[in-house]
Amino acid sequence: MAEARITASDVHAARERARAAAEVVRGWSVEQRAEAIERSARVLLDASSTLGVELRTALLASTGLSAQVIEHGLQTTLSLFECSALCALHARAPHDAERAPEIATVLLAGNVFSAGARPLLLPLLCGVGVLAKASSSDDALPHQVARALAAVDAQLGAACQVLTFAHDDAAATAELLQGAEIISVYGSDETVAAVRTSAPPHARVLAHGHGLGATFIAREALVSASAAYDLAERAARDVAAYDQRGCLSPHFVLVEPGGAVDARALARQIASALAALERELPRGELPREVAAAQLQWRGVAAAIGELFVRARSAVSYEGALALRASPGHRNLAVHDCAGVSEARTQLSQLGEHLKALAVGGEEAGRALSGVAPYTCEPGAMQTPPLDAPLDRLHPLAGLSSVDRSTKLR
């Protein structure tokens, strides 16, 4: 049975429910809010709970990911919402407004299911209600988060209103943005531009547009064959998570010459590591449109360099040729790179689309700090800490104010 279509009146009513409930939640201490959020996350982390089972079943149907990759995403994301970590994050929040908003308006994308957790849960930590539009292509996690919050506390659940409607529903979208104070928008650059155009003049728009990741391996990290293989395994994990579909997923690895293993050999090792990961984190089915793009990408890779193909992944060695993004779904390019200075030049060409950079080598990591919003070691690209400044924004940007309660119970 099809669900009823969401109308502008439904959106307005949801905003008012969130506003009224958030007024109650703001009266709680920070610790009370953090504890309730942690309990909600634990409900979904529990694969045997009713909501946990429903969530995993829905994600299998909506994401196209394997059960193992879904579980990995749930565990590494929801486990971050621990009470003490949330309280510590709130204590370091930037007080960039005299008055925090009553409601945070959120437009979610559907490429990486776990990306909805932060924009739904972190406003509640600050006593700010949430009015969210989930992606019609994958709305399983947002709706289950709202249900988990309600299972812990009715007012907390009511403060997080999640709706699903088509992106081209002009009436519902207009009502969603009507009177918005702060808007977090996730999606394509076109989606971000459309929201900026439609947002009220006074609204603050936090943009999370199209992005990708990259990896740089310095020769200082390639001190031995075993060190190289460890880096290859960690790089493979960055690729395998979410089947390389997210803004933090690496599309290319830049390798400085002079180490124990060169770029061509490292490409071969990453290909082997990806194949081995199939047992632990199997890739989901390949969508038809991606299969066509993959065929083209691999054909070019074989023509301009060397291609190492495995059953459900491929890694190319493309020398010092220009960077080109892959179609995702575990297709990765490896390049020669003269050093840190050359890496900075190459990566700067990606502009604001570069969201994450993994760096092998401590000295190189320091030298490349700030090139991307999120910098980490290989293997940690898809598991940023709770306080990671994704898109160069503090996680609580625009949500905390000088007069908002910060008392602990």
Protein backbone atom coordinates (compact mmCIF):
# COMPACT_ATOMS: atom_id res chain seq x y z
CA MET A 1 0.00 0.00 0.00
CA ALA A 2 1.49 3.34 -1.11
CA GLU A 3 2.09 5.98 1.51
CA ALA A 4 0.08 9.21 1.33
CA ARG A 5 1.75 12.03 -0.54
CA ILE A 6 3.30 14.71 1.67
CA THR A 7 1.64 18.09 1.23
CA ALA A 8 2.80 21.57 2.15
CA SER A 9 0.34 21.44 5.05
CA ASP A 10 2.02 18.27 6.29
CA VAL A 11 5.41 19.99 6.21
CA HIS A 12 4.04 22.98 8.12
CA ALA A 13 2.47 20.72 10.76
CA ALA A 14 5.71 18.78 11.16
CA ARG A 15 7.64 22.01 11.72
CA GLU A 16 5.24 23.09 14.43
CA ARG A 17 5.47 19.69 16.15
CA ALA A 18 9.27 19.91 16.12
CA ARG A 19 9.19 23.47 17.40
CA ALA A 20 6.90 22.66 20.34
CA ALA A 21 8.83 19.53 21.34
CA ALA A 22 12.21 21.24 21.02
CA GLU A 23 11.09 23.88 23.50
CA VAL A 24 10.70 21.09 26.05
CA VAL A 25 14.00 19.42 25.15
CA ARG A 26 15.85 22.75 25.51
CA GLY A 27 14.90 22.68 29.17
CA TRP A 28 16.96 19.54 29.70
CA SER A 29 20.62 19.70 30.65
CA VAL A 30 23.23 18.96 27.98
CA GLU A 31 24.00 15.69 29.74
CA GLN A 32 20.33 14.64 29.67
CA ARG A 33 20.14 15.34 25.95
CA ALA A 34 23.42 13.50 25.33
CA GLU A 35 22.29 10.49 27.34
CA ALA A 36 19.01 10.28 25.43
CA ILE A 37 20.82 10.51 22.07
CA GLU A 38 23.22 7.75 23.14
CA ARG A 39 20.33 5.52 24.18
CA SER A 40 18.64 6.12 20.83
CA ALA A 41 21.80 5.19 18.96
CA ARG A 42 22.13 2.03 21.02
CA VAL A 43 18.61 0.98 20.06
CA LEU A 44 19.66 1.01 16.40
CA LEU A 45 23.08 -0.51 17.08
CA ASP A 46 21.34 -3.54 18.56
CA ALA A 47 20.80 -5.83 15.59
CA SER A 48 18.31 -7.89 17.64
CA SER A 49 16.02 -5.02 18.64
CA THR A 50 12.80 -4.48 16.71
CA LEU A 51 13.96 -1.15 15.28
CA GLY A 52 17.43 -2.54 14.61
CA VAL A 53 16.01 -5.44 12.60
CA GLU A 54 13.66 -3.14 10.70
CA LEU A 55 16.52 -0.77 9.90
CA ARG A 56 18.83 -3.46 8.54
CA THR A 57 16.03 -4.99 6.47
CA ALA A 58 15.12 -1.61 5.00
CA LEU A 59 18.75 -0.72 4.24
CA LEU A 60 19.28 -4.01 2.40
CA ALA A 61 16.38 -3.06 0.15
CA SER A 62 17.25 0.61 -0.33
CA THR A 63 21.05 0.94 -0.46
CA GLY A 64 22.25 -1.84 -2.75
CA LEU A 65 25.03 -2.49 -0.23
CA SER A 66 25.85 -5.88 1.26
CA ALA A 67 24.69 -6.72 4.78
CA GLN A 68 28.30 -6.67 5.97
CA VAL A 69 29.00 -3.19 4.61
CA ILE A 70 25.72 -1.93 6.09
CA GLU A 71 26.62 -3.32 9.50
CA HIS A 72 30.10 -1.81 9.29
CA GLY A 73 28.56 1.58 8.50
CA LEU A 74 26.05 1.36 11.34
CA GLN A 75 28.62 0.29 13.93
CA THR A 76 31.29 2.86 12.99
CA THR A 77 28.76 5.71 12.80
CA LEU A 78 26.25 5.18 15.59
CA SER A 79 28.88 4.17 18.14
CA LEU A 80 30.23 7.74 17.93
CA PHE A 81 27.15 9.09 19.71
CA GLU A 82 28.35 8.31 23.21
CA CYS A 83 27.32 10.58 26.08
CA SER A 84 30.74 11.78 27.23
CA ALA A 85 31.87 12.42 23.64
CA LEU A 86 28.71 14.41 22.93
CA CYS A 87 29.14 16.49 26.08
CA ALA A 88 32.77 17.18 25.20
CA LEU A 89 31.76 18.22 21.69
CA HIS A 90 29.12 20.58 23.05
CA ALA A 91 31.62 22.13 25.45
CA ARG A 92 33.79 23.11 22.48
CA ALA A 93 30.92 24.37 20.32
CA PRO A 94 31.44 27.73 18.60
CA HIS A 95 29.03 30.30 20.02
CA ASP A 96 28.47 32.04 16.70
CA ALA A 97 24.96 33.34 17.29
CA GLU A 98 23.28 35.44 19.92
CA ARG A 99 20.31 33.11 19.71
CA ALA A 100 20.45 29.57 18.43
CA PRO A 101 17.73 28.59 15.96
CA GLU A 102 14.60 26.86 17.16
CA ILE A 103 14.63 24.51 14.16
CA ALA A 104 17.39 23.17 11.93
CA THR A 105 16.14 22.43 8.41
CA VAL A 106 17.94 19.50 6.77
CA LEU A 107 17.90 18.17 3.21
CA LEU A 108 19.55 14.77 3.00
CA ALA A 109 21.13 12.88 0.10
CA GLY A 110 20.80 9.16 -0.51
CA ASN A 111 24.28 8.04 -1.60
CA VAL A 112 25.65 7.12 1.86
CA PHE A 113 22.97 6.08 4.33
CA SER A 114 24.91 6.86 7.51
CA ALA A 115 25.47 10.50 6.52
CA GLY A 116 22.06 11.35 7.97
CA ALA A 117 23.00 10.59 11.56
CA ARG A 118 24.95 13.76 12.36
CA PRO A 119 22.53 16.32 10.88
CA LEU A 120 19.61 14.66 12.68
CA LEU A 121 21.17 14.05 16.10
CA LEU A 122 23.59 16.92 16.67
CA PRO A 123 21.01 19.73 16.57
CA LEU A 124 19.10 17.89 19.32
CA LEU A 125 22.26 17.96 21.44
CA CYS A 126 21.97 21.75 21.36
CA GLY A 127 18.25 21.73 22.07
CA VAL A 128 17.44 22.60 18.46
CA GLY A 129 14.56 20.82 16.75
CA VAL A 130 14.98 19.16 13.35
CA LEU A 131 12.80 19.30 10.25
CA ALA A 132 14.37 16.96 7.69
CA LYS A 133 13.62 15.98 4.13
CA ALA A 134 14.95 12.48 3.55
CA SER A 135 16.01 11.33 0.11
CA SER A 136 13.26 9.47 -1.71
CA SER A 137 15.94 7.05 -2.97
CA ASP A 138 16.96 5.98 0.55
CA ASP A 139 15.15 7.23 3.63
CA ALA A 140 15.51 4.18 5.87
CA LEU A 141 17.99 5.52 8.44
CA PRO A 142 16.43 8.98 8.93
CA HIS A 143 13.00 7.54 9.68
CA GLN A 144 14.40 4.86 11.99
CA VAL A 145 16.48 7.45 13.85
CA ALA A 146 13.30 9.44 14.50
CA ARG A 147 11.55 6.27 15.71
CA ALA A 148 14.46 5.36 17.98
CA LEU A 149 14.41 8.85 19.51
CA ALA A 150 10.67 8.52 20.14
CA ALA A 151 11.22 5.10 21.73
CA VAL A 152 13.57 6.73 24.25
CA ASP A 153 11.46 9.85 24.87
CA ALA A 154 8.29 11.04 23.16
CA GLN A 155 9.29 14.71 23.23
CA LEU A 156 12.76 13.97 21.87
CA GLY A 157 11.21 11.97 19.04
CA ALA A 158 8.73 14.71 18.25
CA ALA A 159 11.58 17.23 18.09
CA CYS A 160 12.99 15.31 15.10
CA GLN A 161 10.51 15.34 12.22
CA VAL A 162 11.50 13.41 9.08
CA LEU A 163 9.53 13.62 5.83
CA THR A 164 10.04 12.00 2.44
CA PHE A 165 8.88 13.64 -0.76
CA ALA A 166 10.22 14.05 -4.28
CA HIS A 167 12.96 16.60 -4.89
CA ASP A 168 10.84 18.25 -7.59
CA ASP A 169 7.82 18.76 -5.31
CA ALA A 170 7.89 22.54 -5.43
CA ALA A 171 5.09 23.16 -2.92
CA ALA A 172 6.49 20.88 -0.22
CA THR A 173 10.03 22.18 -0.75
CA ALA A 174 8.92 25.79 -0.57
CA GLU A 175 7.15 25.11 2.73
CA LEU A 176 10.22 23.24 4.02
CA LEU A 177 12.41 26.29 3.43
CA GLN A 178 9.78 28.82 4.49
CA GLY A 179 11.04 30.72 7.51
CA ALA A 180 14.11 28.49 7.89
CA GLU A 181 16.86 29.92 10.08
CA ILE A 182 19.62 27.42 9.33
CA ILE A 183 19.62 24.93 6.45
CA SER A 184 21.99 21.99 6.05
CA VAL A 185 21.83 20.69 2.50
CA TYR A 186 23.48 17.49 1.29
CA GLY A 187 23.62 16.49 -2.37
CA SER A 188 24.83 17.58 -5.77
CA ASP A 189 26.21 21.02 -6.48
CA GLU A 190 23.00 21.69 -8.40
CA THR A 191 20.91 20.84 -5.34
CA VAL A 192 22.99 23.14 -3.16
CA ALA A 193 22.68 25.99 -5.69
CA ALA A 194 18.90 25.54 -5.90
CA VAL A 195 18.55 25.69 -2.12
CA ARG A 196 20.71 28.80 -1.90
CA THR A 197 18.44 30.46 -4.46
CA SER A 198 15.23 29.42 -2.71
CA ALA A 199 16.31 29.94 0.92
CA PRO A 200 14.99 32.95 2.85
CA PRO A 201 17.43 35.90 2.74
CA HIS A 202 18.20 35.65 6.46
CA ALA A 203 18.80 31.88 6.49
CA ARG A 204 22.27 30.46 6.97
CA VAL A 205 22.92 27.70 4.40
CA LEU A 206 25.49 25.04 5.33
CA ALA A 207 26.44 23.40 2.05
CA HIS A 208 27.60 19.81 1.76
CA GLY A 209 27.89 19.42 -2.00
CA HIS A 210 29.46 16.83 -4.26
CA GLY A 211 32.83 15.59 -3.08
CA LEU A 212 35.44 12.90 -3.18
CA GLY A 213 38.62 11.84 -1.41
CA ALA A 214 42.25 11.16 -2.28
CA THR A 215 45.27 9.49 -0.71
CA PHE A 216 48.94 10.49 -0.73
CA ILE A 217 51.61 7.96 0.23
CA ALA A 218 55.00 9.50 0.98
CA ARG A 219 58.22 7.51 0.56
CA GLU A 220 58.82 7.93 4.30
CA ALA A 221 55.87 5.57 4.83
CA LEU A 222 57.12 3.01 2.30
CA VAL A 223 60.09 1.89 4.38
CA SER A 224 59.62 -1.82 3.67
CA ALA A 225 57.54 -4.29 1.69
CA SER A 226 55.50 -5.12 4.79
CA ALA A 227 54.81 -1.42 5.46
CA ALA A 228 53.66 -1.05 1.87
CA TYR A 229 51.29 -4.00 2.15
CA ASP A 230 49.83 -2.59 5.38
CA LEU A 231 49.17 0.71 3.59
CA ALA A 232 47.60 -1.18 0.70
CA GLU A 233 45.23 -2.98 3.07
CA ARG A 234 44.25 0.27 4.77
CA ALA A 235 43.70 2.03 1.44
CA ALA A 236 41.51 -0.88 0.35
CA ARG A 237 39.33 -0.41 3.45
CA ASP A 238 38.83 3.24 2.59
CA VAL A 239 37.64 2.18 -0.87
CA ALA A 240 35.44 -0.72 0.26
CA ALA A 241 33.44 1.23 2.84
CA TYR A 242 30.06 2.19 1.33
CA ASP A 243 31.35 0.76 -1.96
CA GLN A 244 33.26 4.00 -2.61
CA ARG A 245 30.06 6.01 -3.02
CA GLY A 246 30.56 8.81 -0.51
CA CYS A 247 32.21 12.21 -0.30
CA LEU A 248 35.01 10.76 1.82
CA SER A 249 35.75 7.88 -0.58
CA PRO A 250 39.17 7.96 -2.30
CA HIS A 251 39.23 7.90 -6.10
CA PHE A 252 42.99 8.06 -6.55
CA VAL A 253 46.20 7.33 -4.66
CA LEU A 254 49.30 9.47 -5.26
CA VAL A 255 52.59 7.69 -4.51
CA GLU A 256 55.93 9.38 -4.00
CA PRO A 257 58.82 7.47 -5.63
CA GLY A 258 61.87 6.31 -3.71
CA GLY A 259 60.23 3.94 -1.25
CA ALA A 260 60.59 0.19 -0.94
CA VAL A 261 57.61 -0.25 -3.30
CA ASP A 262 56.77 1.89 -6.34
CA ALA A 263 53.34 3.08 -7.44
CA ARG A 264 52.78 0.25 -9.92
CA ALA A 265 53.55 -2.40 -7.31
CA LEU A 266 51.38 -0.64 -4.72
CA ALA A 267 48.50 -0.57 -7.20
CA ARG A 268 48.80 -4.32 -7.60
CA GLN A 269 48.85 -4.78 -3.81
CA ILE A 270 45.75 -2.62 -3.33
CA ALA A 271 43.97 -4.70 -5.98
CA SER A 272 44.85 -7.88 -4.07
CA ALA A 273 43.77 -6.32 -0.77
CA LEU A 274 40.40 -5.32 -2.25
CA ALA A 275 39.86 -8.85 -3.50
CA ALA A 276 40.68 -10.24 -0.05
CA LEU A 277 38.23 -7.80 1.58
CA GLU A 278 35.39 -9.35 -0.41
CA ARG A 279 35.16 -12.03 2.27
CA GLU A 280 34.69 -9.49 5.07
CA LEU A 281 33.03 -6.58 3.26
CA PRO A 282 31.56 -7.86 -0.01
CA ARG A 283 30.57 -5.32 -2.63
CA GLY A 284 26.90 -4.84 -3.39
CA GLU A 285 25.34 -5.32 -6.78
CA LEU A 286 26.48 -2.96 -9.54
CA PRO A 287 23.71 -0.64 -10.81
CA ARG A 288 23.27 -0.76 -14.57
CA GLU A 289 24.23 2.89 -15.08
CA VAL A 290 27.38 2.44 -13.02
CA ALA A 291 28.31 -0.68 -14.98
CA ALA A 292 28.41 1.38 -18.18
CA ALA A 293 30.56 4.08 -16.56
CA GLN A 294 32.83 1.43 -15.06
CA LEU A 295 33.35 -0.20 -18.45
CA GLN A 296 34.38 3.12 -19.93
CA TRP A 297 36.67 4.03 -17.02
CA ARG A 298 38.42 0.67 -17.09
CA GLY A 299 38.82 0.83 -20.85
CA VAL A 300 40.59 4.18 -20.63
CA ALA A 301 42.72 2.91 -17.73
CA ALA A 302 43.87 -0.12 -19.72
CA ALA A 303 44.69 2.10 -22.70
CA ILE A 304 46.72 4.73 -20.85
CA GLY A 305 48.33 2.62 -18.13
CA GLU A 306 48.00 -0.78 -16.52
CA LEU A 307 44.81 -2.25 -15.07
CA PHE A 308 44.62 -4.84 -12.29
CA VAL A 309 41.13 -6.33 -12.43
CA ARG A 310 39.63 -8.54 -9.75
CA ALA A 311 36.16 -10.11 -9.57
CA ARG A 312 34.42 -7.05 -8.05
CA SER A 313 37.05 -4.32 -8.10
CA ALA A 314 39.82 -2.83 -10.22
CA VAL A 315 42.90 -0.69 -9.61
CA SER A 316 44.73 1.15 -12.38
CA TYR A 317 48.27 2.43 -12.54
CA GLU A 318 48.27 5.66 -14.55
CA GLY A 319 51.76 7.07 -14.02
CA ALA A 320 51.89 10.85 -13.77
CA LEU A 321 48.84 11.46 -15.94
CA ALA A 322 46.08 13.88 -14.88
CA LEU A 323 43.73 12.77 -12.11
CA ARG A 324 40.31 11.53 -13.18
CA ALA A 325 37.54 10.47 -10.88
CA SER A 326 36.35 6.89 -11.08
CA PRO A 327 32.70 5.77 -11.18
CA GLY A 328 33.13 4.52 -7.62
CA HIS A 329 32.01 1.02 -6.67
CA ARG A 330 35.62 -0.06 -5.96
CA ASN A 331 37.48 1.36 -8.96
CA LEU A 332 40.67 3.20 -7.97
CA ALA A 333 43.51 4.92 -9.83
CA VAL A 334 47.12 5.01 -8.58
CA HIS A 335 49.53 7.69 -9.80
CA ASP A 336 53.16 8.64 -9.48
CA CYS A 337 53.65 11.93 -7.62
CA ALA A 338 56.98 13.72 -7.23
CA GLY A 339 56.35 14.73 -3.62
CA VAL A 340 54.37 16.88 -1.22
CA SER A 341 54.59 20.00 -3.37
CA GLU A 342 53.36 18.16 -6.45
CA ALA A 343 50.58 16.52 -4.42
CA ARG A 344 49.40 19.91 -3.21
CA THR A 345 49.35 21.20 -6.80
CA GLN A 346 47.45 18.17 -8.10
CA LEU A 347 44.91 18.15 -5.28
CA SER A 348 44.29 21.89 -5.47
CA GLN A 349 42.79 21.32 -8.90
CA LEU A 350 39.92 19.49 -7.23
CA GLY A 351 38.97 22.67 -5.39
CA GLU A 352 36.13 22.47 -2.89
CA HIS A 353 35.19 19.01 -4.15
CA LEU A 354 38.12 17.49 -2.25
CA LYS A 355 36.49 16.52 1.06
CA ALA A 356 39.01 14.09 2.55
CA LEU A 357 42.71 13.32 2.27
CA ALA A 358 44.49 10.32 3.73
CA VAL A 359 48.24 10.72 4.10
CA GLY A 360 50.80 7.99 4.68
CA GLY A 361 53.79 9.52 6.48
CA GLU A 362 53.85 11.79 9.52
CA GLU A 363 55.96 14.55 8.01
CA ALA A 364 53.90 14.55 4.83
CA GLY A 365 50.72 14.63 6.92
CA ARG A 366 51.87 17.79 8.67
CA ALA A 367 52.88 19.37 5.35
CA LEU A 368 49.52 18.63 3.74
CA SER A 369 47.38 19.56 6.75
CA GLY A 370 44.59 21.86 5.65
CA VAL A 371 44.57 20.82 1.99
CA ALA A 372 41.28 19.01 2.59
CA PRO A 373 38.61 19.66 5.26
CA TYR A 374 39.28 16.23 6.77
CA THR A 375 42.81 14.78 6.88
CA CYS A 376 43.63 11.40 8.38
CA GLU A 377 45.80 8.32 8.07
CA PRO A 378 44.98 5.70 5.42
CA GLY A 379 42.26 3.39 6.66
CA ALA A 380 40.38 6.12 8.56
CA MET A 381 38.79 8.08 5.73
CA GLN A 382 35.32 6.63 6.20
CA THR A 383 35.33 6.76 10.00
CA PRO A 384 35.83 10.43 10.93
CA PRO A 385 35.61 11.24 14.65
CA LEU A 386 32.57 13.03 16.01
CA ASP A 387 34.40 16.38 16.09
CA ALA A 388 35.81 16.16 12.54
CA PRO A 389 35.33 19.51 10.75
CA LEU A 390 33.71 18.07 7.63
CA ASP A 391 33.35 20.69 4.89
CA ARG A 392 35.53 22.90 7.15
CA LEU A 393 32.61 23.38 9.54
CA HIS A 394 32.46 22.60 13.22
CA PRO A 395 29.84 19.85 13.68
CA LEU A 396 27.74 22.23 15.79
CA ALA A 397 28.20 25.28 13.56
CA GLY A 398 25.22 27.60 13.79
CA LEU A 399 23.48 25.51 16.45
CA SER A 400 24.91 26.90 19.68
CA SER A 401 24.58 30.37 21.18
CA VAL A 402 25.86 32.32 24.12
CA ASP A 403 22.54 32.08 25.93
CA ARG A 404 21.83 28.39 25.31
CA SER A 405 21.91 26.23 28.46
CA THR A 406 25.18 24.37 28.97
CA LYS A 407 24.59 23.08 32.48
CA LEU A 408 25.35 19.45 33.30
CA ARG A 409 23.14 17.46 35.57
